[in-house]
Amino acid sequence: MDKSHLHSSHPKISARLKRARGHLDSVIAMIEEGRPCTDIAQQLHAVEKAITNAKRALIHDHIDHCLDEGSAESTADFKEITRYL
């Protein structure tokens, strides 16, 4: 495993994603139990927001720590990662 891309924010991002995974497992169980669609949609929205926030944190961290101002390589990297916003 290449550890050169590990950042201090990654453990928190990983924890967010693990919580989202747990919530997603709960949503699947809700569907299998026949719970009301409104409740399921609410929980799916929460999962989606958790993943979006984790993605945003990862991208912001990348911009803050991985890009060298002014270099052509950094400009290309910035353009590449913003595709995922």
PDB file of N, CA and C in Angstrom:
ATOM      1  N   MET A   1       0.844  -1.182   0.000  1.00  0.00           N
ATOM      2  CA  MET A   1       0.000   0.000   0.000  1.00  0.00           C
ATOM      3  C   MET A   1       0.883   1.236   0.000  1.00  0.00           C
ATOM      4  N   ASP A   2       0.585   2.175  -0.885  1.00  0.00           N
ATOM      5  CA  ASP A   2       1.338   3.418  -1.005  1.00  0.00           C
ATOM      6  C   ASP A   2       0.849   4.391   0.059  1.00  0.00           C
ATOM      7  N   LYS A   3       1.664   4.650   1.053  1.00  0.00           N
ATOM      8  CA  LYS A   3       1.277   5.523   2.163  1.00  0.00           C
ATOM      9  C   LYS A   3       1.579   6.990   1.885  1.00  0.00           C
ATOM     10  N   SER A   4       2.149   7.306   0.712  1.00  0.00           N
ATOM     11  CA  SER A   4       2.499   8.689   0.417  1.00  0.00           C
ATOM     12  C   SER A   4       1.268   9.574   0.247  1.00  0.00           C
ATOM     13  N   HIS A   5       0.108   8.982   0.053  1.00  0.00           N
ATOM     14  CA  HIS A   5      -1.100   9.765  -0.133  1.00  0.00           C
ATOM     15  C   HIS A   5      -1.978   9.799   1.122  1.00  0.00           C
ATOM     16  N   LEU A   6      -1.456   9.326   2.244  1.00  0.00           N
ATOM     17  CA  LEU A   6      -2.210   9.404   3.486  1.00  0.00           C
ATOM     18  C   LEU A   6      -2.088  10.801   4.066  1.00  0.00           C
ATOM     19  N   HIS A   7      -3.203  11.341   4.519  1.00  0.00           N
ATOM     20  CA  HIS A   7      -3.238  12.669   5.106  1.00  0.00           C
ATOM     21  C   HIS A   7      -3.842  12.580   6.500  1.00  0.00           C
ATOM     22  N   SER A   8      -3.622  13.595   7.284  1.00  0.00           N
ATOM     23  CA  SER A   8      -4.142  13.583   8.647  1.00  0.00           C
ATOM     24  C   SER A   8      -5.668  13.552   8.673  1.00  0.00           C
ATOM     25  N   SER A   9      -6.315  14.014   7.621  1.00  0.00           N
ATOM     26  CA  SER A   9      -7.779  14.013   7.575  1.00  0.00           C
ATOM     27  C   SER A   9      -8.367  12.653   7.209  1.00  0.00           C
ATOM     28  N   HIS A  10      -7.573  11.762   6.666  1.00  0.00           N
ATOM     29  CA  HIS A  10      -8.092  10.488   6.165  1.00  0.00           C
ATOM     30  C   HIS A  10      -8.763   9.618   7.231  1.00  0.00           C
ATOM     31  N   PRO A  11      -8.234   9.527   8.458  1.00  0.00           N
ATOM     32  CA  PRO A  11      -8.958   8.721   9.454  1.00  0.00           C
ATOM     33  C   PRO A  11     -10.371   9.237   9.733  1.00  0.00           C
ATOM     34  N   LYS A  12     -10.541  10.555   9.766  1.00  0.00           N
ATOM     35  CA  LYS A  12     -11.880  11.111   9.995  1.00  0.00           C
ATOM     36  C   LYS A  12     -12.791  10.833   8.800  1.00  0.00           C
ATOM     37  N   ILE A  13     -12.248  10.951   7.607  1.00  0.00           N
ATOM     38  CA  ILE A  13     -13.033  10.662   6.411  1.00  0.00           C
ATOM     39  C   ILE A  13     -13.420   9.186   6.380  1.00  0.00           C
ATOM     40  N   SER A  14     -12.488   8.329   6.731  1.00  0.00           N
ATOM     41  CA  SER A  14     -12.764   6.893   6.786  1.00  0.00           C
ATOM     42  C   SER A  14     -13.863   6.596   7.807  1.00  0.00           C
ATOM     43  N   ALA A  15     -13.804   7.251   8.959  1.00  0.00           N
ATOM     44  CA  ALA A  15     -14.832   7.051   9.986  1.00  0.00           C
ATOM     45  C   ALA A  15     -16.201   7.497   9.479  1.00  0.00           C
ATOM     46  N   ARG A  16     -16.250   8.621   8.751  1.00  0.00           N
ATOM     47  CA  ARG A  16     -17.515   9.086   8.169  1.00  0.00           C
ATOM     48  C   ARG A  16     -18.079   8.046   7.213  1.00  0.00           C
ATOM     49  N   LEU A  17     -17.215   7.494   6.374  1.00  0.00           N
ATOM     50  CA  LEU A  17     -17.671   6.521   5.396  1.00  0.00           C
ATOM     51  C   LEU A  17     -18.120   5.222   6.059  1.00  0.00           C
ATOM     52  N   LYS A  18     -17.459   4.839   7.123  1.00  0.00           N
ATOM     53  CA  LYS A  18     -17.885   3.630   7.843  1.00  0.00           C
ATOM     54  C   LYS A  18     -19.253   3.841   8.477  1.00  0.00           C
ATOM     55  N   ARG A  19     -19.503   5.043   9.018  1.00  0.00           N
ATOM     56  CA  ARG A  19     -20.831   5.341   9.563  1.00  0.00           C
ATOM     57  C   ARG A  19     -21.873   5.307   8.445  1.00  0.00           C
ATOM     58  N   ALA A  20     -21.535   5.873   7.293  1.00  0.00           N
ATOM     59  CA  ALA A  20     -22.463   5.863   6.156  1.00  0.00           C
ATOM     60  C   ALA A  20     -22.763   4.433   5.727  1.00  0.00           C
ATOM     61  N   ARG A  21     -21.730   3.577   5.729  1.00  0.00           N
ATOM     62  CA  ARG A  21     -21.930   2.175   5.365  1.00  0.00           C
ATOM     63  C   ARG A  21     -22.891   1.508   6.348  1.00  0.00           C
ATOM     64  N   GLY A  22     -22.748   1.800   7.631  1.00  0.00           N
ATOM     65  CA  GLY A  22     -23.655   1.257   8.636  1.00  0.00           C
ATOM     66  C   GLY A  22     -25.079   1.729   8.415  1.00  0.00           C
ATOM     67  N   HIS A  23     -25.236   3.011   8.088  1.00  0.00           N
ATOM     68  CA  HIS A  23     -26.571   3.539   7.800  1.00  0.00           C
ATOM     69  C   HIS A  23     -27.155   2.899   6.542  1.00  0.00           C
ATOM     70  N   LEU A  24     -26.313   2.678   5.538  1.00  0.00           N
ATOM     71  CA  LEU A  24     -26.792   2.036   4.319  1.00  0.00           C
ATOM     72  C   LEU A  24     -27.262   0.612   4.614  1.00  0.00           C
ATOM     73  N   ASP A  25     -26.529  -0.099   5.452  1.00  0.00           N
ATOM     74  CA  ASP A  25     -26.972  -1.442   5.861  1.00  0.00           C
ATOM     75  C   ASP A  25     -28.336  -1.369   6.545  1.00  0.00           C
ATOM     76  N   SER A  26     -28.543  -0.329   7.343  1.00  0.00           N
ATOM     77  CA  SER A  26     -29.840  -0.144   8.012  1.00  0.00           C
ATOM     78  C   SER A  26     -30.947   0.126   7.008  1.00  0.00           C
ATOM     79  N   VAL A  27     -30.643   0.895   5.970  1.00  0.00           N
ATOM     80  CA  VAL A  27     -31.631   1.185   4.938  1.00  0.00           C
ATOM     81  C   VAL A  27     -32.028  -0.099   4.214  1.00  0.00           C
ATOM     82  N   ILE A  28     -31.052  -0.918   3.909  1.00  0.00           N
ATOM     83  CA  ILE A  28     -31.353  -2.199   3.247  1.00  0.00           C
ATOM     84  C   ILE A  28     -32.269  -3.044   4.131  1.00  0.00           C
ATOM     85  N   ALA A  29     -31.970  -3.075   5.425  1.00  0.00           N
ATOM     86  CA  ALA A  29     -32.823  -3.825   6.356  1.00  0.00           C
ATOM     87  C   ALA A  29     -34.236  -3.231   6.396  1.00  0.00           C
ATOM     88  N   MET A  30     -34.327  -1.902   6.348  1.00  0.00           N
ATOM     89  CA  MET A  30     -35.637  -1.256   6.357  1.00  0.00           C
ATOM     90  C   MET A  30     -36.455  -1.685   5.135  1.00  0.00           C
ATOM     91  N   ILE A  31     -35.803  -1.753   3.989  1.00  0.00           N
ATOM     92  CA  ILE A  31     -36.490  -2.170   2.763  1.00  0.00           C
ATOM     93  C   ILE A  31     -36.967  -3.610   2.901  1.00  0.00           C
ATOM     94  N   GLU A  32     -36.085  -4.457   3.400  1.00  0.00           N
ATOM     95  CA  GLU A  32     -36.427  -5.878   3.556  1.00  0.00           C
ATOM     96  C   GLU A  32     -37.540  -6.081   4.579  1.00  0.00           C
ATOM     97  N   GLU A  33     -37.651  -5.182   5.550  1.00  0.00           N
ATOM     98  CA  GLU A  33     -38.694  -5.277   6.575  1.00  0.00           C
ATOM     99  C   GLU A  33     -40.013  -4.658   6.118  1.00  0.00           C
ATOM    100  N   GLY A  34     -39.994  -3.983   4.974  1.00  0.00           N
ATOM    101  CA  GLY A  34     -41.212  -3.347   4.476  1.00  0.00           C
ATOM    102  C   GLY A  34     -41.559  -2.060   5.178  1.00  0.00           C
ATOM    103  N   ARG A  35     -40.553  -1.347   5.655  1.00  0.00           N
ATOM    104  CA  ARG A  35     -40.793  -0.069   6.339  1.00  0.00           C
ATOM    105  C   ARG A  35     -41.343   0.964   5.359  1.00  0.00           C
ATOM    106  N   PRO A  36     -41.980   2.008   5.865  1.00  0.00           N
ATOM    107  CA  PRO A  36     -42.569   3.036   4.988  1.00  0.00           C
ATOM    108  C   PRO A  36     -41.520   3.703   4.088  1.00  0.00           C
ATOM    109  N   CYS A  37     -41.928   3.966   2.862  1.00  0.00           N
ATOM    110  CA  CYS A  37     -41.013   4.560   1.875  1.00  0.00           C
ATOM    111  C   CYS A  37     -40.479   5.913   2.322  1.00  0.00           C
ATOM    112  N   THR A  38     -41.298   6.687   3.009  1.00  0.00           N
ATOM    113  CA  THR A  38     -40.841   7.999   3.480  1.00  0.00           C
ATOM    114  C   THR A  38     -39.679   7.842   4.454  1.00  0.00           C
ATOM    115  N   ASP A  39     -39.768   6.886   5.346  1.00  0.00           N
ATOM    116  CA  ASP A  39     -38.678   6.635   6.300  1.00  0.00           C
ATOM    117  C   ASP A  39     -37.413   6.186   5.567  1.00  0.00           C
ATOM    118  N   ILE A  40     -37.589   5.322   4.583  1.00  0.00           N
ATOM    119  CA  ILE A  40     -36.445   4.819   3.816  1.00  0.00           C
ATOM    120  C   ILE A  40     -35.793   5.958   3.043  1.00  0.00           C
ATOM    121  N   ALA A  41     -36.626   6.789   2.396  1.00  0.00           N
ATOM    122  CA  ALA A  41     -36.091   7.915   1.627  1.00  0.00           C
ATOM    123  C   ALA A  41     -35.317   8.875   2.535  1.00  0.00           C
ATOM    124  N   GLN A  42     -35.818   9.107   3.721  1.00  0.00           N
ATOM    125  CA  GLN A  42     -35.134   9.989   4.672  1.00  0.00           C
ATOM    126  C   GLN A  42     -33.767   9.426   5.031  1.00  0.00           C
ATOM    127  N   GLN A  43     -33.698   8.145   5.288  1.00  0.00           N
ATOM    128  CA  GLN A  43     -32.428   7.523   5.643  1.00  0.00           C
ATOM    129  C   GLN A  43     -31.470   7.486   4.456  1.00  0.00           C
ATOM    130  N   LEU A  44     -31.986   7.239   3.255  1.00  0.00           N
ATOM    131  CA  LEU A  44     -31.146   7.277   2.061  1.00  0.00           C
ATOM    132  C   LEU A  44     -30.564   8.677   1.837  1.00  0.00           C
ATOM    133  N   HIS A  45     -31.370   9.676   2.113  1.00  0.00           N
ATOM    134  CA  HIS A  45     -30.892  11.056   1.993  1.00  0.00           C
ATOM    135  C   HIS A  45     -29.739  11.298   2.968  1.00  0.00           C
ATOM    136  N   ALA A  46     -29.865  10.784   4.171  1.00  0.00           N
ATOM    137  CA  ALA A  46     -28.800  10.943   5.170  1.00  0.00           C
ATOM    138  C   ALA A  46     -27.519  10.242   4.724  1.00  0.00           C
ATOM    139  N   VAL A  47     -27.655   9.051   4.146  1.00  0.00           N
ATOM    140  CA  VAL A  47     -26.491   8.322   3.637  1.00  0.00           C
ATOM    141  C   VAL A  47     -25.835   9.115   2.518  1.00  0.00           C
ATOM    142  N   GLU A  48     -26.646   9.602   1.606  1.00  0.00           N
ATOM    143  CA  GLU A  48     -26.135  10.382   0.477  1.00  0.00           C
ATOM    144  C   GLU A  48     -25.386  11.627   0.955  1.00  0.00           C
ATOM    145  N   LYS A  49     -25.935  12.342   1.923  1.00  0.00           N
ATOM    146  CA  LYS A  49     -25.281  13.538   2.463  1.00  0.00           C
ATOM    147  C   LYS A  49     -23.967  13.181   3.149  1.00  0.00           C
ATOM    148  N   ALA A  50     -23.943  12.075   3.869  1.00  0.00           N
ATOM    149  CA  ALA A  50     -22.714  11.651   4.554  1.00  0.00           C
ATOM    150  C   ALA A  50     -21.613  11.365   3.544  1.00  0.00           C
ATOM    151  N   ILE A  51     -21.955  10.698   2.465  1.00  0.00           N
ATOM    152  CA  ILE A  51     -20.960  10.389   1.429  1.00  0.00           C
ATOM    153  C   ILE A  51     -20.517  11.665   0.718  1.00  0.00           C
ATOM    154  N   THR A  52     -21.463  12.542   0.416  1.00  0.00           N
ATOM    155  CA  THR A  52     -21.120  13.809  -0.224  1.00  0.00           C
ATOM    156  C   THR A  52     -20.173  14.630   0.651  1.00  0.00           C
ATOM    157  N   ASN A  53     -20.445  14.683   1.941  1.00  0.00           N
ATOM    158  CA  ASN A  53     -19.584  15.440   2.853  1.00  0.00           C
ATOM    159  C   ASN A  53     -18.194  14.820   2.964  1.00  0.00           C
ATOM    160  N   ALA A  54     -18.113  13.499   2.955  1.00  0.00           N
ATOM    161  CA  ALA A  54     -16.809  12.828   2.990  1.00  0.00           C
ATOM    162  C   ALA A  54     -16.034  13.121   1.717  1.00  0.00           C
ATOM    163  N   LYS A  55     -16.715  13.084   0.583  1.00  0.00           N
ATOM    164  CA  LYS A  55     -16.065  13.385  -0.695  1.00  0.00           C
ATOM    165  C   LYS A  55     -15.559  14.822  -0.704  1.00  0.00           C
ATOM    166  N   ARG A  56     -16.373  15.736  -0.245  1.00  0.00           N
ATOM    167  CA  ARG A  56     -15.987  17.144  -0.214  1.00  0.00           C
ATOM    168  C   ARG A  56     -14.762  17.344   0.675  1.00  0.00           C
ATOM    169  N   ALA A  57     -14.753  16.715   1.837  1.00  0.00           N
ATOM    170  CA  ALA A  57     -13.611  16.837   2.749  1.00  0.00           C
ATOM    171  C   ALA A  57     -12.339  16.292   2.098  1.00  0.00           C
ATOM    172  N   LEU A  58     -12.456  15.165   1.416  1.00  0.00           N
ATOM    173  CA  LEU A  58     -11.298  14.575   0.741  1.00  0.00           C
ATOM    174  C   LEU A  58     -10.770  15.497  -0.356  1.00  0.00           C
ATOM    175  N   ILE A  59     -11.658  16.047  -1.161  1.00  0.00           N
ATOM    176  CA  ILE A  59     -11.244  16.933  -2.250  1.00  0.00           C
ATOM    177  C   ILE A  59     -10.627  18.213  -1.702  1.00  0.00           C
ATOM    178  N   HIS A  60     -11.236  18.797  -0.684  1.00  0.00           N
ATOM    179  CA  HIS A  60     -10.669  20.012  -0.096  1.00  0.00           C
ATOM    180  C   HIS A  60      -9.289  19.738   0.503  1.00  0.00           C
ATOM    181  N   ASP A  61      -9.136  18.597   1.142  1.00  0.00           N
ATOM    182  CA  ASP A  61      -7.835  18.235   1.698  1.00  0.00           C
ATOM    183  C   ASP A  61      -6.799  18.096   0.585  1.00  0.00           C
ATOM    184  N   HIS A  62      -7.203  17.482  -0.508  1.00  0.00           N
ATOM    185  CA  HIS A  62      -6.300  17.321  -1.647  1.00  0.00           C
ATOM    186  C   HIS A  62      -5.869  18.685  -2.186  1.00  0.00           C
ATOM    187  N   ILE A  63      -6.832  19.570  -2.344  1.00  0.00           N
ATOM    188  CA  ILE A  63      -6.516  20.911  -2.845  1.00  0.00           C
ATOM    189  C   ILE A  63      -5.571  21.634  -1.887  1.00  0.00           C
ATOM    190  N   ASP A  64      -5.824  21.508  -0.595  1.00  0.00           N
ATOM    191  CA  ASP A  64      -5.000  22.198   0.411  1.00  0.00           C
ATOM    192  C   ASP A  64      -3.589  21.644   0.513  1.00  0.00           C
ATOM    193  N   HIS A  65      -3.421  20.335   0.302  1.00  0.00           N
ATOM    194  CA  HIS A  65      -2.128  19.716   0.622  1.00  0.00           C
ATOM    195  C   HIS A  65      -1.368  19.092  -0.545  1.00  0.00           C
ATOM    196  N   CYS A  66      -2.020  18.902  -1.662  1.00  0.00           N
ATOM    197  CA  CYS A  66      -1.362  18.155  -2.743  1.00  0.00           C
ATOM    198  C   CYS A  66      -1.046  18.986  -3.982  1.00  0.00           C
ATOM    199  N   LEU A  67      -1.562  20.182  -4.034  1.00  0.00           N
ATOM    200  CA  LEU A  67      -1.349  20.984  -5.232  1.00  0.00           C
ATOM    201  C   LEU A  67      -0.279  22.036  -4.978  1.00  0.00           C
ATOM    202  N   ASP A  68       0.672  22.120  -5.887  1.00  0.00           N
ATOM    203  CA  ASP A  68       1.695  23.161  -5.849  1.00  0.00           C
ATOM    204  C   ASP A  68       1.186  24.328  -6.673  1.00  0.00           C
ATOM    205  N   GLU A  69       1.112  25.498  -6.042  1.00  0.00           N
ATOM    206  CA  GLU A  69       0.584  26.667  -6.751  1.00  0.00           C
ATOM    207  C   GLU A  69       1.393  26.977  -7.992  1.00  0.00           C
ATOM    208  N   GLY A  70       0.673  27.192  -9.075  1.00  0.00           N
ATOM    209  CA  GLY A  70       1.305  27.661 -10.290  1.00  0.00           C
ATOM    210  C   GLY A  70       1.884  26.610 -11.215  1.00  0.00           C
ATOM    211  N   SER A  71       2.046  25.381 -10.771  1.00  0.00           N
ATOM    212  CA  SER A  71       2.645  24.387 -11.662  1.00  0.00           C
ATOM    213  C   SER A  71       1.588  23.852 -12.635  1.00  0.00           C
ATOM    214  N   ALA A  72       2.012  23.540 -13.829  1.00  0.00           N
ATOM    215  CA  ALA A  72       1.103  23.007 -14.846  1.00  0.00           C
ATOM    216  C   ALA A  72       0.526  21.668 -14.401  1.00  0.00           C
ATOM    217  N   GLU A  73       1.351  20.858 -13.748  1.00  0.00           N
ATOM    218  CA  GLU A  73       0.880  19.553 -13.259  1.00  0.00           C
ATOM    219  C   GLU A  73      -0.223  19.742 -12.222  1.00  0.00           C
ATOM    220  N   SER A  74      -0.057  20.701 -11.319  1.00  0.00           N
ATOM    221  CA  SER A  74      -1.079  20.958 -10.306  1.00  0.00           C
ATOM    222  C   SER A  74      -2.363  21.475 -10.925  1.00  0.00           C
ATOM    223  N   THR A  75      -2.246  22.312 -11.939  1.00  0.00           N
ATOM    224  CA  THR A  75      -3.435  22.820 -12.619  1.00  0.00           C
ATOM    225  C   THR A  75      -4.208  21.668 -13.255  1.00  0.00           C
ATOM    226  N   ALA A  76      -3.511  20.769 -13.898  1.00  0.00           N
ATOM    227  CA  ALA A  76      -4.163  19.603 -14.504  1.00  0.00           C
ATOM    228  C   ALA A  76      -4.789  18.717 -13.429  1.00  0.00           C
ATOM    229  N   ASP A  77      -4.082  18.529 -12.320  1.00  0.00           N
ATOM    230  CA  ASP A  77      -4.599  17.714 -11.220  1.00  0.00           C
ATOM    231  C   ASP A  77      -5.847  18.357 -10.623  1.00  0.00           C
ATOM    232  N   PHE A  78      -5.826  19.676 -10.479  1.00  0.00           N
ATOM    233  CA  PHE A  78      -6.981  20.403  -9.950  1.00  0.00           C
ATOM    234  C   PHE A  78      -8.187  20.211 -10.864  1.00  0.00           C
ATOM    235  N   LYS A  79      -7.979  20.361 -12.153  1.00  0.00           N
ATOM    236  CA  LYS A  79      -9.071  20.166 -13.105  1.00  0.00           C
ATOM    237  C   LYS A  79      -9.608  18.747 -13.042  1.00  0.00           C
ATOM    238  N   GLU A  80      -8.729  17.785 -12.885  1.00  0.00           N
ATOM    239  CA  GLU A  80      -9.135  16.375 -12.808  1.00  0.00           C
ATOM    240  C   GLU A  80     -10.006  16.123 -11.579  1.00  0.00           C
ATOM    241  N   ILE A  81      -9.572  16.606 -10.412  1.00  0.00           N
ATOM    242  CA  ILE A  81     -10.315  16.287  -9.187  1.00  0.00           C
ATOM    243  C   ILE A  81     -11.635  17.051  -9.109  1.00  0.00           C
ATOM    244  N   THR A  82     -11.721  18.228  -9.712  1.00  0.00           N
ATOM    245  CA  THR A  82     -12.973  18.967  -9.649  1.00  0.00           C
ATOM    246  C   THR A  82     -14.080  18.307 -10.459  1.00  0.00           C
ATOM    247  N   ARG A  83     -13.750  17.365 -11.298  1.00  0.00           N
ATOM    248  CA  ARG A  83     -14.786  16.600 -12.004  1.00  0.00           C
ATOM    249  C   ARG A  83     -15.692  15.871 -11.023  1.00  0.00           C
ATOM    250  N   TYR A  84     -15.190  15.604  -9.839  1.00  0.00           N
ATOM    251  CA  TYR A  84     -15.931  14.809  -8.857  1.00  0.00           C
ATOM    252  C   TYR A  84     -16.730  15.654  -7.871  1.00  0.00           C
ATOM    253  N   LEU A  85     -16.700  16.959  -8.023  1.00  0.00           N
ATOM    254  CA  LEU A  85     -17.480  17.819  -7.123  1.00  0.00           C
ATOM    255  C   LEU A  85     -18.952  17.705  -7.406  1.00  0.00           C
TER     256      LEU A  85
END
